[in-house]
Structures are given as C-alpha cells and as structure tokens.
Amino acid sequence: MQAKRIIPCLDVDDGRVVKGIKFKGIQDAGDPVEMARRYNDEGADELTFLDIVASYKSRDTLLGVVGRVAKEVFIPLCVGGGVRSVDDMRKAMNAGADKVSVCTAALNNPNLLAEMARAYGSQCVVLSIDAKRVSEGTWHAFSHGGRTDTGIDAVEWARRAVSLGAGEILLNSIDADGTAAGYDLELTAKILDAVPAPVIASGGAGTLDQIAHVLSETNADAALVASMLHFGKTSIPEIKRYLHTKGVCIRHPKGV
C-alpha cells in the first residue's frame, strides 16, 4: 500500500504566506521560508507554493522564495500560479521546483499540458483544478483564482488533462476552501474514479478526523493542509500520529 502524503500549502502574496476563506478575505500567515523550514523539519512529505496574484512581478518574487527554500529543505516542492508557458515552467524548475502546477493557462490552452510533459515528463506536471458545485452532482472548473466560471465540467476536464500529460491532479474545492468544514468528499471521489493519476484533495481541512476521512473514504493520494498548520491549530507530527491510529498508511515522522 502506497503511503499517503501530507502537503502543507503556502499561498504567497508579495513574499508572504496568506490565507483566506473561499478564495476571499486574505490575511497574513507568516514568512514562507521560515514556515517551509518548520514543515520540513516536522515531517511534511511535500510543500506546495501558490502565487495567488499571478502577475509577472509576483511570480518572480515567489521564485526567489522557492530558491531560498530549496537550499534548506529536501522534500519535493511544487510551484504554481502565473505559469503560462514551458518557459515559465523552466524558470520554476531552475529555481528549485520539482513539480509545476497550472490552472488558468491550461484551461485557456489545454495543449500546454502536453508541451510541459514533453519538456519535463508527466511526473512534473500538476493540473490544479479550482472546482465549484453548480448543481447537484456537477462541478465546474473555475479560472482566474476561482473568479471565472469556465462552464467546463471539472470531472471531464480532469480526464482530458491526464490524457494530455498531467501526471497529478491538485483538486481545490472552492466551496470548502478555508471553511474548516471538511473536504468535498463527493467531488474528490468522482475525480479519483475518473483518472488513473494521483489526486491531492484540497480545501476545507478543519479537524484531524476530516483529513483521515478524505484519505480513507475517498482513497485520495494526498491531503493539502493550510490554515490548520499556519495558525497553529495542529502540526505535521500530530496529523500523522492521528492518521496512524486510524489505520491510514503514512510516512512516519518521529514520535509515531
């Protein structure tokens, strides 16, 4: 059985980690390099950095942060936000990223996923889907930081993206984001059923039990966690100890 991953997500704006609710109400959460170092030391399996502004200036700022983090931590780093081309991916990889995630640019030009996969391999290409429920059992993929409904069915988009070259899906539930009400289990299960690629569940983590549920009930490959960690509600070792007691296969940190 493959070990599940716990991945802290650091949304970065102007060199600082921030967090909001349903992609709104942004507040400062700390220094990204300091937080990355702490999560690495605590036993995080990967780190995800997302540029929430996605301008050229902010992306350069983020890549500077990633470069500093890459010198100090030795777990995989995924970088996303504002990646519009293979050249943008190259800059992120050169800065120290192991994977690059794309959202809006791939919706605008699906063939970008194939270009990225040809350049670096599917294992380095992560499709980020910002999904919102639009009716019972139906979710659309949103672009531009969750502001624009593309009208594209999120499950069909995941299926197409993997066929084009995406090696992993980062599934963000807009409805659940920052609410601490739990992951969207129905959406996560539908995406997992649709694609052969690993799926990272994101949006809504508020309790240890919710993290355990999304990893065991939907069989998601990883759980993204942000607010619970950033604001000191829990820690990586505490999450992993709890998952261990619930029978979830994880990479053991110290103390488990």
Protein backbone atom coordinates (compact mmCIF):
# COMPACT_ATOMS: atom_id res chain seq x y z
CA MET A 1 0.00 0.00 0.00
CA GLN A 2 1.38 3.40 -1.00
CA ALA A 3 1.84 5.88 1.82
CA LYS A 4 -0.48 8.89 1.83
CA ARG A 5 1.12 12.31 1.72
CA ILE A 6 0.50 15.35 3.92
CA ILE A 7 1.30 18.51 1.98
CA PRO A 8 1.29 21.99 3.54
CA CYS A 9 0.12 24.61 1.05
CA LEU A 10 1.65 28.06 1.20
CA ASP A 11 -0.33 30.69 -0.71
CA VAL A 12 2.15 33.50 -1.33
CA ASP A 13 1.44 37.19 -1.98
CA ASP A 14 4.32 39.67 -2.20
CA GLY A 15 6.70 37.32 -0.41
CA ARG A 16 4.35 36.48 2.48
CA VAL A 17 2.15 33.46 3.19
CA VAL A 18 -1.54 34.41 3.25
CA LYS A 19 -4.83 32.55 3.74
CA GLY A 20 -8.46 33.32 3.04
CA ILE A 21 -11.90 31.71 3.02
CA LYS A 22 -13.41 30.59 -0.31
CA PHE A 23 -10.57 32.48 -2.03
CA LYS A 24 -11.54 35.76 -0.26
CA GLY A 25 -10.76 37.64 2.98
CA ILE A 26 -7.00 37.23 2.68
CA GLN A 27 -4.91 37.61 5.86
CA ASP A 28 -1.19 37.35 6.58
CA ALA A 29 0.02 33.99 7.90
CA GLY A 30 3.81 34.34 8.07
CA ASP A 31 7.21 34.13 6.38
CA PRO A 32 7.31 31.37 3.70
CA VAL A 33 10.94 30.36 4.19
CA GLU A 34 10.58 30.08 7.95
CA MET A 35 7.33 28.12 7.61
CA ALA A 36 8.75 25.83 4.93
CA ARG A 37 11.73 25.04 7.14
CA ARG A 38 9.44 24.19 10.06
CA TYR A 39 7.16 21.94 8.00
CA ASN A 40 10.17 20.17 6.52
CA ASP A 41 11.60 19.55 9.97
CA GLU A 42 8.22 18.29 11.24
CA GLY A 43 7.97 15.64 8.53
CA ALA A 44 5.88 17.11 5.71
CA ASP A 45 6.01 14.91 2.60
CA GLU A 46 5.98 17.79 0.10
CA LEU A 47 5.39 21.54 0.00
CA THR A 48 3.16 23.42 -2.42
CA PHE A 49 3.69 27.12 -3.15
CA LEU A 50 0.97 29.03 -4.98
CA ASP A 51 1.29 32.59 -6.22
CA ILE A 52 -2.21 33.93 -5.61
CA VAL A 53 -1.62 37.20 -7.51
CA ALA A 54 -0.12 35.50 -10.57
CA SER A 55 1.43 38.63 -12.08
CA TYR A 56 4.90 38.57 -13.60
CA LYS A 57 6.29 40.62 -10.71
CA SER A 58 4.71 38.40 -8.04
CA ARG A 59 5.91 35.23 -9.80
CA ASP A 60 9.49 36.50 -9.74
CA THR A 61 9.08 37.20 -6.01
CA LEU A 62 7.76 33.68 -5.45
CA LEU A 63 10.60 32.09 -7.42
CA GLY A 64 13.04 33.96 -5.20
CA VAL A 65 11.30 32.44 -2.18
CA VAL A 66 11.40 28.97 -3.74
CA GLY A 67 15.10 29.35 -4.46
CA ARG A 68 15.79 30.15 -0.81
CA VAL A 69 13.59 27.29 0.40
CA ALA A 70 15.20 24.78 -1.98
CA LYS A 71 18.57 25.42 -0.36
CA GLU A 72 17.24 24.48 3.06
CA VAL A 73 14.68 21.68 2.59
CA PHE A 74 14.98 18.31 0.91
CA ILE A 75 11.39 17.31 0.16
CA PRO A 76 9.62 17.85 -3.19
CA LEU A 77 8.47 21.39 -3.94
CA CYS A 78 5.52 22.15 -6.21
CA VAL A 79 5.14 25.69 -7.57
CA GLY A 80 2.06 27.17 -9.21
CA GLY A 81 0.32 30.41 -10.04
CA GLY A 82 1.00 32.51 -13.12
CA VAL A 83 2.64 29.69 -15.08
CA ARG A 84 1.63 30.34 -18.68
CA SER A 85 4.29 28.60 -20.78
CA VAL A 86 7.02 25.96 -20.83
CA ASP A 87 9.47 28.82 -20.32
CA ASP A 88 7.68 29.76 -17.10
CA MET A 89 7.90 26.12 -16.05
CA ARG A 90 11.61 26.11 -16.83
CA LYS A 91 12.16 29.14 -14.60
CA ALA A 92 10.32 27.43 -11.74
CA MET A 93 12.27 24.21 -12.15
CA ASN A 94 15.54 26.12 -12.30
CA ALA A 95 14.59 27.93 -9.09
CA GLY A 96 14.28 24.59 -7.31
CA ALA A 97 10.78 23.27 -8.02
CA ASP A 98 10.32 19.54 -8.52
CA LYS A 99 6.81 19.95 -9.96
CA VAL A 100 4.86 22.81 -11.51
CA SER A 101 1.09 23.26 -11.31
CA VAL A 102 -1.07 25.08 -13.84
CA CYS A 103 -4.71 26.11 -13.72
CA THR A 104 -5.95 29.01 -15.85
CA ALA A 105 -3.28 28.68 -18.55
CA ALA A 106 -4.19 25.04 -19.13
CA LEU A 107 -7.89 25.88 -19.40
CA ASN A 108 -7.02 28.54 -21.97
CA ASN A 109 -4.63 26.23 -23.84
CA PRO A 110 -5.01 22.54 -22.94
CA ASN A 111 -2.10 21.60 -25.20
CA LEU A 112 0.20 23.37 -22.72
CA LEU A 113 -0.05 20.24 -20.57
CA ALA A 114 1.33 18.12 -23.40
CA GLU A 115 4.13 20.64 -24.03
CA MET A 116 5.09 20.64 -20.36
CA ALA A 117 5.04 16.84 -20.21
CA ARG A 118 7.27 16.59 -23.28
CA ALA A 119 9.72 19.05 -21.76
CA TYR A 120 9.98 17.61 -18.24
CA GLY A 121 7.86 14.45 -18.01
CA SER A 122 4.31 13.97 -16.74
CA GLN A 123 5.58 13.43 -13.19
CA CYS A 124 6.48 17.14 -13.09
CA VAL A 125 3.12 18.39 -14.40
CA VAL A 126 0.35 19.04 -11.90
CA LEU A 127 -3.07 20.21 -13.05
CA SER A 128 -4.70 22.43 -10.44
CA ILE A 129 -8.50 22.37 -10.68
CA ASP A 130 -10.44 25.05 -8.81
CA ALA A 131 -13.86 23.38 -8.75
CA LYS A 132 -17.20 24.73 -7.56
CA ARG A 133 -20.52 22.93 -7.34
CA VAL A 134 -23.02 24.43 -9.81
CA SER A 135 -25.82 21.90 -9.35
CA GLU A 136 -26.42 18.56 -7.67
CA GLY A 137 -23.56 16.24 -8.66
CA THR A 138 -22.00 18.76 -11.06
CA TRP A 139 -18.91 20.91 -10.60
CA HIS A 140 -17.34 23.40 -12.98
CA ALA A 141 -13.67 24.26 -13.35
CA PHE A 142 -13.11 27.92 -12.49
CA SER A 143 -10.23 30.06 -13.74
CA HIS A 144 -8.50 33.28 -12.62
CA GLY A 145 -8.21 32.37 -8.95
CA GLY A 146 -11.73 30.99 -8.68
CA ARG A 147 -13.38 34.11 -10.10
CA THR A 148 -14.45 32.91 -13.56
CA ASP A 149 -16.78 30.01 -14.31
CA THR A 150 -15.46 28.40 -17.49
CA GLY A 151 -18.56 26.23 -17.87
CA ILE A 152 -16.24 23.21 -18.21
CA ASP A 153 -17.23 20.11 -16.24
CA ALA A 154 -14.49 19.54 -13.66
CA VAL A 155 -14.55 15.75 -13.89
CA GLU A 156 -14.34 15.76 -17.70
CA TRP A 157 -11.56 18.33 -17.52
CA ALA A 158 -9.56 16.13 -15.16
CA ARG A 159 -9.97 13.17 -17.51
CA ARG A 160 -8.88 15.17 -20.56
CA ALA A 161 -5.94 16.78 -18.77
CA VAL A 162 -4.47 13.44 -17.71
CA SER A 163 -4.80 12.14 -21.28
CA LEU A 164 -2.84 15.21 -22.43
CA GLY A 165 0.02 14.72 -19.98
CA ALA A 166 -0.89 15.89 -16.48
CA GLY A 167 0.70 13.48 -14.03
CA GLU A 168 -1.20 14.58 -10.94
CA ILE A 169 -4.39 16.48 -10.04
CA LEU A 170 -4.46 19.13 -7.32
CA LEU A 171 -8.19 19.35 -6.60
CA ASN A 172 -9.25 22.57 -4.89
CA SER A 173 -12.84 22.81 -3.67
CA ILE A 174 -13.82 26.48 -3.79
CA ASP A 175 -16.92 25.73 -1.71
CA ALA A 176 -14.83 24.21 1.09
CA ASP A 177 -11.71 26.41 0.89
CA GLY A 178 -10.74 27.83 4.29
CA THR A 179 -14.10 26.92 5.86
CA ALA A 180 -12.75 24.18 8.16
CA ALA A 181 -15.95 22.27 7.32
CA GLY A 182 -14.14 19.35 5.70
CA TYR A 183 -13.08 18.31 2.22
CA ASP A 184 -15.63 17.81 -0.55
CA LEU A 185 -15.66 14.01 -0.38
CA GLU A 186 -18.16 13.57 -3.23
CA LEU A 187 -16.14 15.69 -5.64
CA THR A 188 -12.87 14.04 -4.64
CA ALA A 189 -14.32 10.56 -5.15
CA LYS A 190 -15.65 11.47 -8.60
CA ILE A 191 -12.28 12.79 -9.76
CA LEU A 192 -10.49 9.72 -8.38
CA ASP A 193 -12.90 7.46 -10.26
CA ALA A 194 -12.30 9.41 -13.49
CA VAL A 195 -8.50 9.43 -13.68
CA PRO A 196 -5.61 6.98 -13.16
CA ALA A 197 -3.33 9.75 -11.86
CA PRO A 198 -2.74 10.64 -8.19
CA VAL A 199 -5.23 13.14 -6.72
CA ILE A 200 -4.42 15.66 -3.98
CA ALA A 201 -7.50 16.72 -2.01
CA SER A 202 -7.55 20.41 -1.10
CA GLY A 203 -9.92 22.81 0.60
CA GLY A 204 -11.75 22.59 3.91
CA ALA A 205 -9.43 20.86 6.39
CA GLY A 206 -10.56 21.84 9.88
CA THR A 207 -10.08 18.72 12.00
CA LEU A 208 -7.80 15.71 12.11
CA ASP A 209 -10.81 13.49 11.52
CA GLN A 210 -11.59 15.29 8.25
CA ILE A 211 -8.07 14.64 6.99
CA ALA A 212 -8.41 10.97 7.91
CA HIS A 213 -11.79 10.78 6.16
CA VAL A 214 -10.61 12.16 2.82
CA LEU A 215 -7.62 9.82 2.75
CA SER A 216 -9.51 6.69 3.79
CA GLU A 217 -13.07 7.18 2.48
CA THR A 218 -12.15 8.54 -0.97
CA ASN A 219 -8.67 6.97 -1.14
CA ALA A 220 -7.14 10.30 -2.15
CA ASP A 221 -3.39 10.06 -2.58
CA ALA A 222 -2.60 13.15 -0.51
CA ALA A 223 -4.22 15.87 1.58
CA LEU A 224 -3.33 19.53 1.29
CA VAL A 225 -3.44 21.40 4.60
CA ALA A 226 -3.08 25.15 5.12
CA SER A 227 -4.94 27.08 7.84
CA MET A 228 -4.76 24.31 10.44
CA LEU A 229 -0.96 24.40 10.21
CA HIS A 230 -0.37 28.08 9.53
CA PHE A 231 -2.37 29.25 12.54
CA GLY A 232 -1.06 26.64 14.98
CA LYS A 233 -4.19 24.50 15.29
CA THR A 234 -2.14 21.37 14.70
CA SER A 235 1.26 20.16 13.46
CA ILE A 236 2.54 17.65 10.93
CA PRO A 237 3.55 15.12 13.65
CA GLU A 238 0.13 15.42 15.31
CA ILE A 239 -1.65 14.86 11.98
CA LYS A 240 0.46 11.81 11.20
CA ARG A 241 0.10 10.32 14.67
CA TYR A 242 -3.68 10.63 14.37
CA LEU A 243 -3.74 9.12 10.89
CA HIS A 244 -1.61 6.24 12.14
CA THR A 245 -4.17 5.48 14.89
CA LYS A 246 -6.89 5.44 12.22
CA GLY A 247 -5.03 2.90 10.12
CA VAL A 248 -4.04 5.31 7.34
CA CYS A 249 -0.74 4.34 5.70
CA ILE A 250 1.65 7.29 6.07
CA ARG A 251 5.35 8.03 6.11
CA HIS A 252 6.13 8.04 9.80
CA PRO A 253 7.58 11.15 11.41
CA LYS A 254 9.46 10.96 14.67
CA GLY A 255 7.20 10.04 17.54
CA VAL A 256 4.88 7.65 15.63
